[in-house]
Amino acid sequence: MDNSPFLLVKNLTKNYQMGAKTFTVLNNLTISFASSGFVLISGKSGSGKSTLLNLIAGIIKPSSGDIFFEGDAISLMSEKRISAFRNRCIGYIFQQYNLFDKQSVLFNIILPLLIDGVGIPKAYCRGRALLHSYNMDVFADQIIGNLSGGEKQRVAVLRALANNPKIVLADEPTGALDQKNALATMEMLSQIAQGRLVIVVSHDSLLAEKFATRKITLKDGDVIS
């Protein structure tokens, strides 16, 4: 029986070279994550929070150590396999939405499915089901550019769920929102975390802590709590 953690960050270090100087962003981190729950990563700017998310997603590679997803080392995956891993296992939510403003809400939500080769009828069915699950049916045909910031972010959350990922990563998802919309977004992420792992990077610790089932604090690339 395999008793390895669902997600394991093991002895992870990330350095950046700037001229003759080496800057350590993450320093020998070891953290394990269960397959569900709302995990808050907090810390000041420059503490390595966003870098950790990008390493988990396989967007960048560690300088040493590794991240294991269901026992497989992410850094040892081929580029093709990492791409498939990101599209099928990771849902990524950005602070600035990263949506296509001239396209419809439904198109934006199903785009990851279309990229993965899912047929249009099946993709549209999945998109409408997601909208219905979160009482957002009325937004399906609206153009992204006509939505408020809070509405855009909720669409971005649904897009992250399109491929039914096992991990949702959210990088400052409330950073561009007012308090009311920030609360709505966090409530949505908390609901999602009932059935999968949600890792949220946020400066708004007071808000996120209301929903987090676990908090990890980084400082200068180290876990301090």
C-alpha atoms as a PDB file:
ATOM      1  CA  MET A   1       0.000   0.000   0.000  1.00  0.00           C
ATOM      2  CA  ASP A   2       1.337   3.450  -0.984  1.00  0.00           C
ATOM      3  CA  ASN A   3       1.353   5.763   2.044  1.00  0.00           C
ATOM      4  CA  SER A   4       3.039   8.695   0.285  1.00  0.00           C
ATOM      5  CA  PRO A   5       1.402  12.125   0.775  1.00  0.00           C
ATOM      6  CA  PHE A   6      -0.973  13.430  -1.884  1.00  0.00           C
ATOM      7  CA  LEU A   7       1.361  16.408  -2.463  1.00  0.00           C
ATOM      8  CA  LEU A   8       4.832  16.636  -0.940  1.00  0.00           C
ATOM      9  CA  VAL A   9       7.251  19.546  -1.136  1.00  0.00           C
ATOM     10  CA  LYS A  10      10.567  17.967  -0.110  1.00  0.00           C
ATOM     11  CA  ASN A  11      13.822  19.812   0.638  1.00  0.00           C
ATOM     12  CA  LEU A  12      12.803  22.426  -1.900  1.00  0.00           C
ATOM     13  CA  THR A  13      15.194  25.262  -2.720  1.00  0.00           C
ATOM     14  CA  LYS A  14      14.830  27.887  -5.421  1.00  0.00           C
ATOM     15  CA  ASN A  15      17.675  30.279  -6.226  1.00  0.00           C
ATOM     16  CA  TYR A  16      17.887  33.060  -8.784  1.00  0.00           C
ATOM     17  CA  GLN A  17      21.124  34.371 -10.212  1.00  0.00           C
ATOM     18  CA  MET A  18      21.440  38.121 -10.766  1.00  0.00           C
ATOM     19  CA  GLY A  19      24.904  38.904 -12.057  1.00  0.00           C
ATOM     20  CA  ALA A  20      27.431  37.612  -9.535  1.00  0.00           C
ATOM     21  CA  LYS A  21      24.848  37.392  -6.750  1.00  0.00           C
ATOM     22  CA  THR A  22      22.651  34.422  -5.867  1.00  0.00           C
ATOM     23  CA  PHE A  23      19.281  35.099  -4.244  1.00  0.00           C
ATOM     24  CA  THR A  24      17.536  32.300  -2.366  1.00  0.00           C
ATOM     25  CA  VAL A  25      13.765  32.631  -2.673  1.00  0.00           C
ATOM     26  CA  LEU A  26      12.879  29.318  -1.024  1.00  0.00           C
ATOM     27  CA  ASN A  27      15.227  27.576   1.383  1.00  0.00           C
ATOM     28  CA  ASN A  28      15.001  23.793   1.876  1.00  0.00           C
ATOM     29  CA  LEU A  29      11.216  23.659   2.387  1.00  0.00           C
ATOM     30  CA  THR A  30       9.474  20.432   3.337  1.00  0.00           C
ATOM     31  CA  ILE A  31       5.669  20.540   3.505  1.00  0.00           C
ATOM     32  CA  SER A  32       3.060  17.825   2.920  1.00  0.00           C
ATOM     33  CA  PHE A  33      -0.519  18.439   1.800  1.00  0.00           C
ATOM     34  CA  ALA A  34      -3.659  16.313   2.054  1.00  0.00           C
ATOM     35  CA  SER A  35      -5.927  15.780  -0.953  1.00  0.00           C
ATOM     36  CA  SER A  36      -8.508  18.322   0.238  1.00  0.00           C
ATOM     37  CA  GLY A  37      -8.749  21.425   2.380  1.00  0.00           C
ATOM     38  CA  PHE A  38      -8.198  25.177   2.215  1.00  0.00           C
ATOM     39  CA  VAL A  39      -4.506  25.943   2.818  1.00  0.00           C
ATOM     40  CA  LEU A  40      -3.492  29.572   3.268  1.00  0.00           C
ATOM     41  CA  ILE A  41       0.103  30.543   2.396  1.00  0.00           C
ATOM     42  CA  SER A  42       0.857  33.899   3.986  1.00  0.00           C
ATOM     43  CA  GLY A  43       3.902  36.106   4.362  1.00  0.00           C
ATOM     44  CA  LYS A  44       5.265  39.468   3.287  1.00  0.00           C
ATOM     45  CA  SER A  45       6.164  40.316  -0.309  1.00  0.00           C
ATOM     46  CA  GLY A  46       9.316  38.490  -1.317  1.00  0.00           C
ATOM     47  CA  SER A  47       8.792  35.603   1.113  1.00  0.00           C
ATOM     48  CA  GLY A  48       8.460  33.079  -1.741  1.00  0.00           C
ATOM     49  CA  LYS A  49       4.699  32.509  -1.765  1.00  0.00           C
ATOM     50  CA  SER A  50       4.054  32.908  -5.504  1.00  0.00           C
ATOM     51  CA  THR A  51       7.284  31.093  -6.330  1.00  0.00           C
ATOM     52  CA  LEU A  52       6.014  28.090  -4.364  1.00  0.00           C
ATOM     53  CA  LEU A  53       2.757  28.051  -6.347  1.00  0.00           C
ATOM     54  CA  ASN A  54       4.647  28.214  -9.657  1.00  0.00           C
ATOM     55  CA  LEU A  55       6.885  25.336  -8.566  1.00  0.00           C
ATOM     56  CA  ILE A  56       3.874  23.206  -7.604  1.00  0.00           C
ATOM     57  CA  ALA A  57       2.317  23.926 -11.013  1.00  0.00           C
ATOM     58  CA  GLY A  58       5.525  22.930 -12.777  1.00  0.00           C
ATOM     59  CA  ILE A  59       5.829  26.369 -14.376  1.00  0.00           C
ATOM     60  CA  ILE A  60       9.375  26.697 -13.014  1.00  0.00           C
ATOM     61  CA  LYS A  61      11.816  24.074 -11.731  1.00  0.00           C
ATOM     62  CA  PRO A  62      13.523  23.955  -8.330  1.00  0.00           C
ATOM     63  CA  SER A  63      17.229  24.538  -7.841  1.00  0.00           C
ATOM     64  CA  SER A  64      17.273  21.472  -5.586  1.00  0.00           C
ATOM     65  CA  GLY A  65      14.778  19.198  -3.887  1.00  0.00           C
ATOM     66  CA  ASP A  66      11.502  18.280  -5.532  1.00  0.00           C
ATOM     67  CA  ILE A  67       7.719  18.256  -5.407  1.00  0.00           C
ATOM     68  CA  PHE A  68       5.925  14.921  -5.516  1.00  0.00           C
ATOM     69  CA  PHE A  69       2.343  14.651  -6.755  1.00  0.00           C
ATOM     70  CA  GLU A  70       0.814  11.282  -5.879  1.00  0.00           C
ATOM     71  CA  GLY A  71       4.358   9.921  -5.598  1.00  0.00           C
ATOM     72  CA  ASP A  72       5.671  11.289  -8.926  1.00  0.00           C
ATOM     73  CA  ALA A  73       8.444  13.897  -8.985  1.00  0.00           C
ATOM     74  CA  ILE A  74       7.185  16.884 -10.974  1.00  0.00           C
ATOM     75  CA  SER A  75      10.660  18.093 -11.987  1.00  0.00           C
ATOM     76  CA  LEU A  76      11.460  14.702 -13.565  1.00  0.00           C
ATOM     77  CA  MET A  77       8.424  14.795 -15.837  1.00  0.00           C
ATOM     78  CA  SER A  78       8.959  15.470 -19.546  1.00  0.00           C
ATOM     79  CA  GLU A  79       7.733  18.822 -20.888  1.00  0.00           C
ATOM     80  CA  LYS A  80       4.805  17.048 -22.542  1.00  0.00           C
ATOM     81  CA  ARG A  81       3.835  15.318 -19.311  1.00  0.00           C
ATOM     82  CA  ILE A  82       4.210  18.505 -17.252  1.00  0.00           C
ATOM     83  CA  SER A  83       1.929  20.314 -19.705  1.00  0.00           C
ATOM     84  CA  ALA A  84      -0.676  17.545 -19.378  1.00  0.00           C
ATOM     85  CA  PHE A  85      -0.287  17.610 -15.574  1.00  0.00           C
ATOM     86  CA  ARG A  86      -0.906  21.374 -15.468  1.00  0.00           C
ATOM     87  CA  ASN A  87      -3.951  21.235 -17.730  1.00  0.00           C
ATOM     88  CA  ARG A  88      -5.604  18.210 -16.120  1.00  0.00           C
ATOM     89  CA  CYS A  89      -4.535  18.296 -12.473  1.00  0.00           C
ATOM     90  CA  ILE A  90      -3.983  21.994 -11.723  1.00  0.00           C
ATOM     91  CA  GLY A  91      -6.497  24.830 -11.748  1.00  0.00           C
ATOM     92  CA  TYR A  92      -4.752  28.221 -11.497  1.00  0.00           C
ATOM     93  CA  ILE A  93      -6.479  31.427 -10.408  1.00  0.00           C
ATOM     94  CA  PHE A  94      -4.667  34.732 -10.953  1.00  0.00           C
ATOM     95  CA  GLN A  95      -5.105  38.120  -9.286  1.00  0.00           C
ATOM     96  CA  GLN A  96      -5.765  39.878 -12.620  1.00  0.00           C
ATOM     97  CA  TYR A  97      -8.209  37.244 -13.942  1.00  0.00           C
ATOM     98  CA  ASN A  98      -6.361  36.537 -17.271  1.00  0.00           C
ATOM     99  CA  LEU A  99      -9.649  36.263 -19.155  1.00  0.00           C
ATOM    100  CA  PHE A 100     -10.460  37.146 -22.778  1.00  0.00           C
ATOM    101  CA  ASP A 101     -12.449  40.370 -22.449  1.00  0.00           C
ATOM    102  CA  LYS A 102     -14.125  40.170 -25.877  1.00  0.00           C
ATOM    103  CA  GLN A 103     -15.327  36.589 -25.422  1.00  0.00           C
ATOM    104  CA  SER A 104     -18.295  35.225 -23.492  1.00  0.00           C
ATOM    105  CA  VAL A 105     -18.207  33.908 -19.950  1.00  0.00           C
ATOM    106  CA  LEU A 106     -18.995  30.409 -21.166  1.00  0.00           C
ATOM    107  CA  PHE A 107     -16.183  30.451 -23.741  1.00  0.00           C
ATOM    108  CA  ASN A 108     -13.675  31.566 -21.110  1.00  0.00           C
ATOM    109  CA  ILE A 109     -14.737  28.797 -18.730  1.00  0.00           C
ATOM    110  CA  ILE A 110     -14.472  25.991 -21.279  1.00  0.00           C
ATOM    111  CA  LEU A 111     -11.204  27.125 -22.869  1.00  0.00           C
ATOM    112  CA  PRO A 112      -9.043  24.665 -20.848  1.00  0.00           C
ATOM    113  CA  LEU A 113     -11.285  21.842 -22.069  1.00  0.00           C
ATOM    114  CA  LEU A 114     -10.956  22.904 -25.704  1.00  0.00           C
ATOM    115  CA  ILE A 115      -7.169  23.115 -25.324  1.00  0.00           C
ATOM    116  CA  ASP A 116      -7.207  19.580 -23.922  1.00  0.00           C
ATOM    117  CA  GLY A 117      -9.073  18.316 -26.992  1.00  0.00           C
ATOM    118  CA  VAL A 118     -12.527  17.895 -25.448  1.00  0.00           C
ATOM    119  CA  GLY A 119     -15.314  18.138 -28.021  1.00  0.00           C
ATOM    120  CA  ILE A 120     -17.304  21.380 -28.159  1.00  0.00           C
ATOM    121  CA  PRO A 121     -20.697  19.874 -27.125  1.00  0.00           C
ATOM    122  CA  LYS A 122     -19.167  18.135 -24.088  1.00  0.00           C
ATOM    123  CA  ALA A 123     -17.166  21.244 -23.158  1.00  0.00           C
ATOM    124  CA  TYR A 124     -20.230  23.500 -23.338  1.00  0.00           C
ATOM    125  CA  CYS A 125     -22.203  21.012 -21.230  1.00  0.00           C
ATOM    126  CA  ARG A 126     -19.472  21.047 -18.570  1.00  0.00           C
ATOM    127  CA  GLY A 127     -19.310  24.847 -18.618  1.00  0.00           C
ATOM    128  CA  ARG A 128     -23.047  25.274 -18.177  1.00  0.00           C
ATOM    129  CA  ALA A 129     -23.058  22.697 -15.372  1.00  0.00           C
ATOM    130  CA  LEU A 130     -20.372  24.681 -13.530  1.00  0.00           C
ATOM    131  CA  LEU A 131     -22.299  27.928 -13.946  1.00  0.00           C
ATOM    132  CA  HIS A 132     -25.436  26.244 -12.646  1.00  0.00           C
ATOM    133  CA  SER A 133     -23.593  24.758  -9.639  1.00  0.00           C
ATOM    134  CA  TYR A 134     -22.618  28.238  -8.474  1.00  0.00           C
ATOM    135  CA  ASN A 135     -25.891  29.996  -9.424  1.00  0.00           C
ATOM    136  CA  MET A 136     -24.246  31.899 -12.272  1.00  0.00           C
ATOM    137  CA  ASP A 137     -26.354  30.655 -15.209  1.00  0.00           C
ATOM    138  CA  VAL A 138     -27.386  34.217 -16.069  1.00  0.00           C
ATOM    139  CA  PHE A 139     -23.759  35.103 -16.914  1.00  0.00           C
ATOM    140  CA  ALA A 140     -23.223  32.386 -19.560  1.00  0.00           C
ATOM    141  CA  ASP A 141     -23.564  34.567 -22.667  1.00  0.00           C
ATOM    142  CA  GLN A 142     -22.344  37.848 -21.200  1.00  0.00           C
ATOM    143  CA  ILE A 143     -19.121  39.357 -22.508  1.00  0.00           C
ATOM    144  CA  ILE A 144     -16.274  39.391 -19.983  1.00  0.00           C
ATOM    145  CA  GLY A 145     -15.468  43.048 -20.639  1.00  0.00           C
ATOM    146  CA  ASN A 146     -18.925  44.031 -19.375  1.00  0.00           C
ATOM    147  CA  LEU A 147     -18.523  42.354 -15.979  1.00  0.00           C
ATOM    148  CA  SER A 148     -17.398  43.807 -12.663  1.00  0.00           C
ATOM    149  CA  GLY A 149     -14.107  42.778 -11.092  1.00  0.00           C
ATOM    150  CA  GLY A 150     -15.810  40.443  -8.645  1.00  0.00           C
ATOM    151  CA  GLU A 151     -17.820  38.778 -11.411  1.00  0.00           C
ATOM    152  CA  LYS A 152     -14.668  38.321 -13.500  1.00  0.00           C
ATOM    153  CA  GLN A 153     -12.885  36.656 -10.613  1.00  0.00           C
ATOM    154  CA  ARG A 154     -15.739  34.224 -10.028  1.00  0.00           C
ATOM    155  CA  VAL A 155     -15.615  33.339 -13.736  1.00  0.00           C
ATOM    156  CA  ALA A 156     -11.862  32.783 -13.361  1.00  0.00           C
ATOM    157  CA  VAL A 157     -12.554  30.415 -10.473  1.00  0.00           C
ATOM    158  CA  LEU A 158     -14.978  28.409 -12.626  1.00  0.00           C
ATOM    159  CA  ARG A 159     -12.449  28.299 -15.468  1.00  0.00           C
ATOM    160  CA  ALA A 160      -9.947  26.811 -13.004  1.00  0.00           C
ATOM    161  CA  LEU A 161     -12.481  24.047 -12.289  1.00  0.00           C
ATOM    162  CA  ALA A 162     -13.223  23.228 -15.932  1.00  0.00           C
ATOM    163  CA  ASN A 163     -10.983  20.167 -16.096  1.00  0.00           C
ATOM    164  CA  ASN A 164     -12.029  19.019 -12.616  1.00  0.00           C
ATOM    165  CA  PRO A 165      -8.470  19.457 -11.270  1.00  0.00           C
ATOM    166  CA  LYS A 166      -7.208  17.796  -8.115  1.00  0.00           C
ATOM    167  CA  ILE A 167      -5.405  20.964  -6.987  1.00  0.00           C
ATOM    168  CA  VAL A 168      -6.546  24.585  -7.229  1.00  0.00           C
ATOM    169  CA  LEU A 169      -3.845  27.242  -6.831  1.00  0.00           C
ATOM    170  CA  ALA A 170      -4.946  30.831  -6.206  1.00  0.00           C
ATOM    171  CA  ASP A 171      -2.362  33.623  -6.307  1.00  0.00           C
ATOM    172  CA  GLU A 172      -3.748  36.704  -4.519  1.00  0.00           C
ATOM    173  CA  PRO A 173      -7.284  36.002  -5.803  1.00  0.00           C
ATOM    174  CA  THR A 174      -8.780  38.897  -3.838  1.00  0.00           C
ATOM    175  CA  GLY A 175      -5.976  41.417  -4.391  1.00  0.00           C
ATOM    176  CA  ALA A 176      -7.952  43.469  -6.937  1.00  0.00           C
ATOM    177  CA  LEU A 177     -11.347  43.161  -5.232  1.00  0.00           C
ATOM    178  CA  ASP A 178     -13.314  45.193  -2.716  1.00  0.00           C
ATOM    179  CA  GLN A 179     -14.219  43.586   0.610  1.00  0.00           C
ATOM    180  CA  LYS A 180     -17.644  42.335  -0.491  1.00  0.00           C
ATOM    181  CA  ASN A 181     -16.344  40.615  -3.620  1.00  0.00           C
ATOM    182  CA  ALA A 182     -13.262  39.352  -1.789  1.00  0.00           C
ATOM    183  CA  LEU A 183     -15.546  37.664   0.740  1.00  0.00           C
ATOM    184  CA  ALA A 184     -17.657  36.086  -2.033  1.00  0.00           C
ATOM    185  CA  THR A 185     -14.531  34.735  -3.743  1.00  0.00           C
ATOM    186  CA  MET A 186     -13.147  33.262  -0.520  1.00  0.00           C
ATOM    187  CA  GLU A 187     -16.512  31.643   0.228  1.00  0.00           C
ATOM    188  CA  MET A 188     -16.449  30.086  -3.233  1.00  0.00           C
ATOM    189  CA  LEU A 189     -12.907  28.744  -2.716  1.00  0.00           C
ATOM    190  CA  SER A 190     -13.893  27.380   0.690  1.00  0.00           C
ATOM    191  CA  GLN A 191     -16.758  25.467  -0.899  1.00  0.00           C
ATOM    192  CA  ILE A 192     -14.407  24.064  -3.550  1.00  0.00           C
ATOM    193  CA  ALA A 193     -11.946  22.978  -0.841  1.00  0.00           C
ATOM    194  CA  GLN A 194     -14.506  20.528   0.539  1.00  0.00           C
ATOM    195  CA  GLY A 195     -13.609  18.114  -2.252  1.00  0.00           C
ATOM    196  CA  ARG A 196     -10.090  19.017  -3.392  1.00  0.00           C
ATOM    197  CA  LEU A 197      -6.887  20.725  -2.322  1.00  0.00           C
ATOM    198  CA  VAL A 198      -7.048  24.519  -2.561  1.00  0.00           C
ATOM    199  CA  ILE A 199      -3.839  26.459  -1.876  1.00  0.00           C
ATOM    200  CA  VAL A 200      -4.316  30.213  -1.578  1.00  0.00           C
ATOM    201  CA  VAL A 201      -1.590  32.867  -1.449  1.00  0.00           C
ATOM    202  CA  SER A 202      -2.969  36.023   0.129  1.00  0.00           C
ATOM    203  CA  HIS A 203      -1.862  39.207   1.844  1.00  0.00           C
ATOM    204  CA  ASP A 204      -5.368  39.484   3.287  1.00  0.00           C
ATOM    205  CA  SER A 205      -4.710  37.008   6.076  1.00  0.00           C
ATOM    206  CA  LEU A 206      -7.587  38.209   8.259  1.00  0.00           C
ATOM    207  CA  LEU A 207     -10.122  37.385   5.553  1.00  0.00           C
ATOM    208  CA  ALA A 208      -8.499  34.144   4.392  1.00  0.00           C
ATOM    209  CA  GLU A 209      -8.073  32.832   7.942  1.00  0.00           C
ATOM    210  CA  LYS A 210     -11.859  32.775   8.318  1.00  0.00           C
ATOM    211  CA  PHE A 211     -11.973  29.984   5.759  1.00  0.00           C
ATOM    212  CA  ALA A 212      -8.553  28.311   5.922  1.00  0.00           C
ATOM    213  CA  THR A 213      -8.320  24.851   7.461  1.00  0.00           C
ATOM    214  CA  ARG A 214      -4.539  25.248   7.611  1.00  0.00           C
ATOM    215  CA  LYS A 215      -2.157  28.198   7.567  1.00  0.00           C
ATOM    216  CA  ILE A 216       1.502  28.171   6.520  1.00  0.00           C
ATOM    217  CA  THR A 217       3.558  31.322   7.021  1.00  0.00           C
ATOM    218  CA  LEU A 218       6.716  31.993   5.003  1.00  0.00           C
ATOM    219  CA  LYS A 219       9.468  34.475   5.786  1.00  0.00           C
ATOM    220  CA  ASP A 220      12.571  34.943   3.655  1.00  0.00           C
ATOM    221  CA  GLY A 221      12.019  31.583   1.990  1.00  0.00           C
ATOM    222  CA  ASP A 222      11.535  29.585   5.204  1.00  0.00           C
ATOM    223  CA  VAL A 223       8.468  28.200   6.949  1.00  0.00           C
ATOM    224  CA  ILE A 224       8.138  29.995  10.279  1.00  0.00           C
ATOM    225  CA  SER A 225       4.776  28.544  11.309  1.00  0.00           C
END
